[in-house]
Amino acid sequence: MKSKSSLVFKILIPILIVAGTSMGFVKNINENEKYKKLSSALKILMGVAILLIGLYMFWLAF
């Protein structure tokens, strides 16, 4: 049986790589004048999604 820490690192490392790559992509979109509208819409959409997920988890707790 493999150790739990080995399994955690096999899952954690790819997640960190994807997160880092995504941050660079979002930063480039944010700084590009061509994508200002898309950037604003994406910020609002992600904010609403996070808010809804938070409310759903709150609802599940009670």
PDB file of N, CA and C in Angstrom:
ATOM      1  N   MET A   1       0.834  -1.179   0.000  1.00  0.00           N
ATOM      2  CA  MET A   1       0.000   0.000   0.000  1.00  0.00           C
ATOM      3  C   MET A   1       0.883   1.247   0.000  1.00  0.00           C
ATOM      4  N   LYS A   2       0.585   2.165  -0.860  1.00  0.00           N
ATOM      5  CA  LYS A   2       1.358   3.399  -0.937  1.00  0.00           C
ATOM      6  C   LYS A   2       1.017   4.302   0.239  1.00  0.00           C
ATOM      7  N   SER A   3       1.981   5.124   0.584  1.00  0.00           N
ATOM      8  CA  SER A   3       1.726   6.036   1.696  1.00  0.00           C
ATOM      9  C   SER A   3       0.784   7.153   1.255  1.00  0.00           C
ATOM     10  N   LYS A   4       0.081   7.720   2.210  1.00  0.00           N
ATOM     11  CA  LYS A   4      -0.879   8.780   1.916  1.00  0.00           C
ATOM     12  C   LYS A   4      -0.181  10.039   1.412  1.00  0.00           C
ATOM     13  N   SER A   5       1.015  10.326   1.930  1.00  0.00           N
ATOM     14  CA  SER A   5       1.717  11.537   1.514  1.00  0.00           C
ATOM     15  C   SER A   5       2.107  11.460   0.042  1.00  0.00           C
ATOM     16  N   SER A   6       2.459  10.275  -0.441  1.00  0.00           N
ATOM     17  CA  SER A   6       2.795  10.103  -1.846  1.00  0.00           C
ATOM     18  C   SER A   6       1.581  10.387  -2.722  1.00  0.00           C
ATOM     19  N   LEU A   7       0.437   9.897  -2.311  1.00  0.00           N
ATOM     20  CA  LEU A   7      -0.799  10.122  -3.056  1.00  0.00           C
ATOM     21  C   LEU A   7      -1.178  11.598  -3.050  1.00  0.00           C
ATOM     22  N   VAL A   8      -0.999  12.248  -1.916  1.00  0.00           N
ATOM     23  CA  VAL A   8      -1.321  13.672  -1.807  1.00  0.00           C
ATOM     24  C   VAL A   8      -0.447  14.478  -2.759  1.00  0.00           C
ATOM     25  N   PHE A   9       0.854  14.170  -2.814  1.00  0.00           N
ATOM     26  CA  PHE A   9       1.748  14.915  -3.694  1.00  0.00           C
ATOM     27  C   PHE A   9       1.438  14.642  -5.165  1.00  0.00           C
ATOM     28  N   LYS A  10       0.999  13.442  -5.495  1.00  0.00           N
ATOM     29  CA  LYS A  10       0.640  13.134  -6.874  1.00  0.00           C
ATOM     30  C   LYS A  10      -0.589  13.932  -7.311  1.00  0.00           C
ATOM     31  N   ILE A  11      -1.441  14.262  -6.374  1.00  0.00           N
ATOM     32  CA  ILE A  11      -2.637  15.045  -6.683  1.00  0.00           C
ATOM     33  C   ILE A  11      -2.349  16.531  -6.568  1.00  0.00           C
ATOM     34  N   LEU A  12      -1.573  16.925  -5.569  1.00  0.00           N
ATOM     35  CA  LEU A  12      -1.335  18.333  -5.268  1.00  0.00           C
ATOM     36  C   LEU A  12      -0.462  19.021  -6.312  1.00  0.00           C
ATOM     37  N   ILE A  13       0.584  18.370  -6.775  1.00  0.00           N
ATOM     38  CA  ILE A  13       1.517  18.994  -7.713  1.00  0.00           C
ATOM     39  C   ILE A  13       0.822  19.394  -9.020  1.00  0.00           C
ATOM     40  N   PRO A  14       0.049  18.523  -9.672  1.00  0.00           N
ATOM     41  CA  PRO A  14      -0.643  18.964 -10.899  1.00  0.00           C
ATOM     42  C   PRO A  14      -1.636  20.102 -10.651  1.00  0.00           C
ATOM     43  N   ILE A  15      -2.293  20.085  -9.500  1.00  0.00           N
ATOM     44  CA  ILE A  15      -3.234  21.168  -9.187  1.00  0.00           C
ATOM     45  C   ILE A  15      -2.486  22.493  -9.072  1.00  0.00           C
ATOM     46  N   LEU A  16      -1.339  22.487  -8.408  1.00  0.00           N
ATOM     47  CA  LEU A  16      -0.545  23.711  -8.276  1.00  0.00           C
ATOM     48  C   LEU A  16      -0.025  24.195  -9.626  1.00  0.00           C
ATOM     49  N   ILE A  17       0.362  23.287 -10.488  1.00  0.00           N
ATOM     50  CA  ILE A  17       0.847  23.669 -11.821  1.00  0.00           C
ATOM     51  C   ILE A  17      -0.271  24.307 -12.630  1.00  0.00           C
ATOM     52  N   VAL A  18      -1.449  23.704 -12.613  1.00  0.00           N
ATOM     53  CA  VAL A  18      -2.593  24.259 -13.353  1.00  0.00           C
ATOM     54  C   VAL A  18      -2.997  25.611 -12.788  1.00  0.00           C
ATOM     55  N   ALA A  19      -2.993  25.742 -11.456  1.00  0.00           N
ATOM     56  CA  ALA A  19      -3.361  27.007 -10.827  1.00  0.00           C
ATOM     57  C   ALA A  19      -2.378  28.107 -11.206  1.00  0.00           C
ATOM     58  N   GLY A  20      -1.097  27.806 -11.205  1.00  0.00           N
ATOM     59  CA  GLY A  20      -0.094  28.792 -11.580  1.00  0.00           C
ATOM     60  C   GLY A  20      -0.221  29.217 -13.029  1.00  0.00           C
ATOM     61  N   THR A  21      -0.472  28.271 -13.905  1.00  0.00           N
ATOM     62  CA  THR A  21      -0.648  28.572 -15.326  1.00  0.00           C
ATOM     63  C   THR A  21      -1.902  29.417 -15.540  1.00  0.00           C
ATOM     64  N   SER A  22      -2.962  29.085 -14.843  1.00  0.00           N
ATOM     65  CA  SER A  22      -4.205  29.840 -14.975  1.00  0.00           C
ATOM     66  C   SER A  22      -4.031  31.273 -14.498  1.00  0.00           C
ATOM     67  N   MET A  23      -3.272  31.476 -13.431  1.00  0.00           N
ATOM     68  CA  MET A  23      -3.044  32.829 -12.919  1.00  0.00           C
ATOM     69  C   MET A  23      -2.313  33.679 -13.954  1.00  0.00           C
ATOM     70  N   GLY A  24      -1.329  33.095 -14.629  1.00  0.00           N
ATOM     71  CA  GLY A  24      -0.616  33.817 -15.678  1.00  0.00           C
ATOM     72  C   GLY A  24      -1.538  34.173 -16.832  1.00  0.00           C
ATOM     73  N   PHE A  25      -2.408  33.259 -17.207  1.00  0.00           N
ATOM     74  CA  PHE A  25      -3.363  33.492 -18.289  1.00  0.00           C
ATOM     75  C   PHE A  25      -4.324  34.625 -17.931  1.00  0.00           C
ATOM     76  N   VAL A  26      -4.850  34.594 -16.716  1.00  0.00           N
ATOM     77  CA  VAL A  26      -5.790  35.625 -16.268  1.00  0.00           C
ATOM     78  C   VAL A  26      -5.094  36.980 -16.182  1.00  0.00           C
ATOM     79  N   LYS A  27      -3.852  36.991 -15.726  1.00  0.00           N
ATOM     80  CA  LYS A  27      -3.092  38.250 -15.646  1.00  0.00           C
ATOM     81  C   LYS A  27      -2.902  38.844 -17.041  1.00  0.00           C
ATOM     82  N   ASN A  28      -2.581  38.013 -18.021  1.00  0.00           N
ATOM     83  CA  ASN A  28      -2.416  38.503 -19.397  1.00  0.00           C
ATOM     84  C   ASN A  28      -3.719  39.063 -19.945  1.00  0.00           C
ATOM     85  N   ILE A  29      -4.827  38.407 -19.668  1.00  0.00           N
ATOM     86  CA  ILE A  29      -6.125  38.899 -20.133  1.00  0.00           C
ATOM     87  C   ILE A  29      -6.446  40.231 -19.462  1.00  0.00           C
ATOM     88  N   ASN A  30      -6.151  40.337 -18.180  1.00  0.00           N
ATOM     89  CA  ASN A  30      -6.429  41.552 -17.429  1.00  0.00           C
ATOM     90  C   ASN A  30      -5.661  42.757 -17.968  1.00  0.00           C
ATOM     91  N   GLU A  31      -4.444  42.547 -18.403  1.00  0.00           N
ATOM     92  CA  GLU A  31      -3.593  43.646 -18.854  1.00  0.00           C
ATOM     93  C   GLU A  31      -3.803  43.995 -20.319  1.00  0.00           C
ATOM     94  N   ASN A  32      -4.473  43.163 -21.072  1.00  0.00           N
ATOM     95  CA  ASN A  32      -4.660  43.387 -22.495  1.00  0.00           C
ATOM     96  C   ASN A  32      -5.885  44.270 -22.726  1.00  0.00           C
ATOM     97  N   GLU A  33      -5.694  45.368 -23.439  1.00  0.00           N
ATOM     98  CA  GLU A  33      -6.796  46.301 -23.720  1.00  0.00           C
ATOM     99  C   GLU A  33      -7.906  45.642 -24.552  1.00  0.00           C
ATOM    100  N   LYS A  34      -7.529  44.717 -25.408  1.00  0.00           N
ATOM    101  CA  LYS A  34      -8.491  44.066 -26.293  1.00  0.00           C
ATOM    102  C   LYS A  34      -9.532  43.257 -25.510  1.00  0.00           C
ATOM    103  N   TYR A  35      -9.146  42.777 -24.348  1.00  0.00           N
ATOM    104  CA  TYR A  35     -10.012  41.892 -23.591  1.00  0.00           C
ATOM    105  C   TYR A  35     -10.576  42.539 -22.322  1.00  0.00           C
ATOM    106  N   LYS A  36     -10.656  43.859 -22.272  1.00  0.00           N
ATOM    107  CA  LYS A  36     -11.155  44.542 -21.075  1.00  0.00           C
ATOM    108  C   LYS A  36     -12.605  44.154 -20.765  1.00  0.00           C
ATOM    109  N   LYS A  37     -13.469  44.109 -21.775  1.00  0.00           N
ATOM    110  CA  LYS A  37     -14.866  43.733 -21.551  1.00  0.00           C
ATOM    111  C   LYS A  37     -14.967  42.290 -21.077  1.00  0.00           C
ATOM    112  N   LEU A  38     -14.217  41.413 -21.730  1.00  0.00           N
ATOM    113  CA  LEU A  38     -14.211  40.004 -21.337  1.00  0.00           C
ATOM    114  C   LEU A  38     -13.691  39.855 -19.910  1.00  0.00           C
ATOM    115  N   SER A  39     -12.669  40.622 -19.581  1.00  0.00           N
ATOM    116  CA  SER A  39     -12.099  40.571 -18.241  1.00  0.00           C
ATOM    117  C   SER A  39     -13.118  41.007 -17.191  1.00  0.00           C
ATOM    118  N   SER A  40     -13.819  42.080 -17.463  1.00  0.00           N
ATOM    119  CA  SER A  40     -14.832  42.568 -16.524  1.00  0.00           C
ATOM    120  C   SER A  40     -15.968  41.551 -16.364  1.00  0.00           C
ATOM    121  N   ALA A  41     -16.429  40.998 -17.465  1.00  0.00           N
ATOM    122  CA  ALA A  41     -17.507  40.008 -17.417  1.00  0.00           C
ATOM    123  C   ALA A  41     -17.045  38.760 -16.661  1.00  0.00           C
ATOM    124  N   LEU A  42     -15.809  38.344 -16.890  1.00  0.00           N
ATOM    125  CA  LEU A  42     -15.274  37.169 -16.222  1.00  0.00           C
ATOM    126  C   LEU A  42     -15.169  37.393 -14.710  1.00  0.00           C
ATOM    127  N   LYS A  43     -14.734  38.580 -14.301  1.00  0.00           N
ATOM    128  CA  LYS A  43     -14.645  38.895 -12.877  1.00  0.00           C
ATOM    129  C   LYS A  43     -16.021  38.835 -12.220  1.00  0.00           C
ATOM    130  N   ILE A  44     -17.017  39.417 -12.878  1.00  0.00           N
ATOM    131  CA  ILE A  44     -18.379  39.409 -12.330  1.00  0.00           C
ATOM    132  C   ILE A  44     -18.923  37.982 -12.280  1.00  0.00           C
ATOM    133  N   LEU A  45     -18.744  37.235 -13.360  1.00  0.00           N
ATOM    134  CA  LEU A  45     -19.240  35.860 -13.428  1.00  0.00           C
ATOM    135  C   LEU A  45     -18.602  34.985 -12.343  1.00  0.00           C
ATOM    136  N   MET A  46     -17.299  35.084 -12.177  1.00  0.00           N
ATOM    137  CA  MET A  46     -16.614  34.276 -11.163  1.00  0.00           C
ATOM    138  C   MET A  46     -17.008  34.716  -9.749  1.00  0.00           C
ATOM    139  N   GLY A  47     -17.202  36.011  -9.555  1.00  0.00           N
ATOM    140  CA  GLY A  47     -17.657  36.504  -8.252  1.00  0.00           C
ATOM    141  C   GLY A  47     -19.024  35.958  -7.891  1.00  0.00           C
ATOM    142  N   VAL A  48     -19.923  35.965  -8.858  1.00  0.00           N
ATOM    143  CA  VAL A  48     -21.274  35.431  -8.634  1.00  0.00           C
ATOM    144  C   VAL A  48     -21.207  33.927  -8.372  1.00  0.00           C
ATOM    145  N   ALA A  49     -20.367  33.226  -9.124  1.00  0.00           N
ATOM    146  CA  ALA A  49     -20.237  31.778  -8.925  1.00  0.00           C
ATOM    147  C   ALA A  49     -19.718  31.465  -7.523  1.00  0.00           C
ATOM    148  N   ILE A  50     -18.719  32.200  -7.066  1.00  0.00           N
ATOM    149  CA  ILE A  50     -18.174  31.981  -5.722  1.00  0.00           C
ATOM    150  C   ILE A  50     -19.230  32.295  -4.670  1.00  0.00           C
ATOM    151  N   LEU A  51     -19.979  33.362  -4.866  1.00  0.00           N
ATOM    152  CA  LEU A  51     -21.038  33.727  -3.929  1.00  0.00           C
ATOM    153  C   LEU A  51     -22.107  32.644  -3.869  1.00  0.00           C
ATOM    154  N   LEU A  52     -22.532  32.133  -5.014  1.00  0.00           N
ATOM    155  CA  LEU A  52     -23.545  31.080  -5.044  1.00  0.00           C
ATOM    156  C   LEU A  52     -23.054  29.789  -4.389  1.00  0.00           C
ATOM    157  N   ILE A  53     -21.805  29.441  -4.632  1.00  0.00           N
ATOM    158  CA  ILE A  53     -21.241  28.249  -4.001  1.00  0.00           C
ATOM    159  C   ILE A  53     -21.194  28.427  -2.491  1.00  0.00           C
ATOM    160  N   GLY A  54     -20.813  29.612  -2.041  1.00  0.00           N
ATOM    161  CA  GLY A  54     -20.787  29.897  -0.611  1.00  0.00           C
ATOM    162  C   GLY A  54     -22.166  29.809   0.009  1.00  0.00           C
ATOM    163  N   LEU A  55     -23.157  30.374  -0.651  1.00  0.00           N
ATOM    164  CA  LEU A  55     -24.526  30.309  -0.146  1.00  0.00           C
ATOM    165  C   LEU A  55     -25.046  28.872  -0.129  1.00  0.00           C
ATOM    166  N   TYR A  56     -24.705  28.102  -1.137  1.00  0.00           N
ATOM    167  CA  TYR A  56     -25.116  26.702  -1.185  1.00  0.00           C
ATOM    168  C   TYR A  56     -24.503  25.907  -0.034  1.00  0.00           C
ATOM    169  N   MET A  57     -23.227  26.136   0.222  1.00  0.00           N
ATOM    170  CA  MET A  57     -22.587  25.445   1.350  1.00  0.00           C
ATOM    171  C   MET A  57     -23.168  25.878   2.682  1.00  0.00           C
ATOM    172  N   PHE A  58     -23.515  27.140   2.797  1.00  0.00           N
ATOM    173  CA  PHE A  58     -24.166  27.620   4.009  1.00  0.00           C
ATOM    174  C   PHE A  58     -25.519  26.946   4.187  1.00  0.00           C
ATOM    175  N   TRP A  59     -26.260  26.813   3.087  1.00  0.00           N
ATOM    176  CA  TRP A  59     -27.564  26.164   3.111  1.00  0.00           C
ATOM    177  C   TRP A  59     -27.430  24.693   3.513  1.00  0.00           C
ATOM    178  N   LEU A  60     -26.379  24.023   3.006  1.00  0.00           N
ATOM    179  CA  LEU A  60     -26.160  22.624   3.355  1.00  0.00           C
ATOM    180  C   LEU A  60     -25.844  22.443   4.845  1.00  0.00           C
ATOM    181  N   ALA A  61     -25.242  23.440   5.441  1.00  0.00           N
ATOM    182  CA  ALA A  61     -24.845  23.327   6.840  1.00  0.00           C
ATOM    183  C   ALA A  61     -26.064  23.358   7.777  1.00  0.00           C
ATOM    184  N   PHE A  62     -27.139  23.949   7.330  1.00  0.00           N
ATOM    185  CA  PHE A  62     -28.325  24.071   8.188  1.00  0.00           C
ATOM    186  C   PHE A  62     -29.453  23.351   7.600  1.00  0.00           C
TER     187      PHE A  62
END
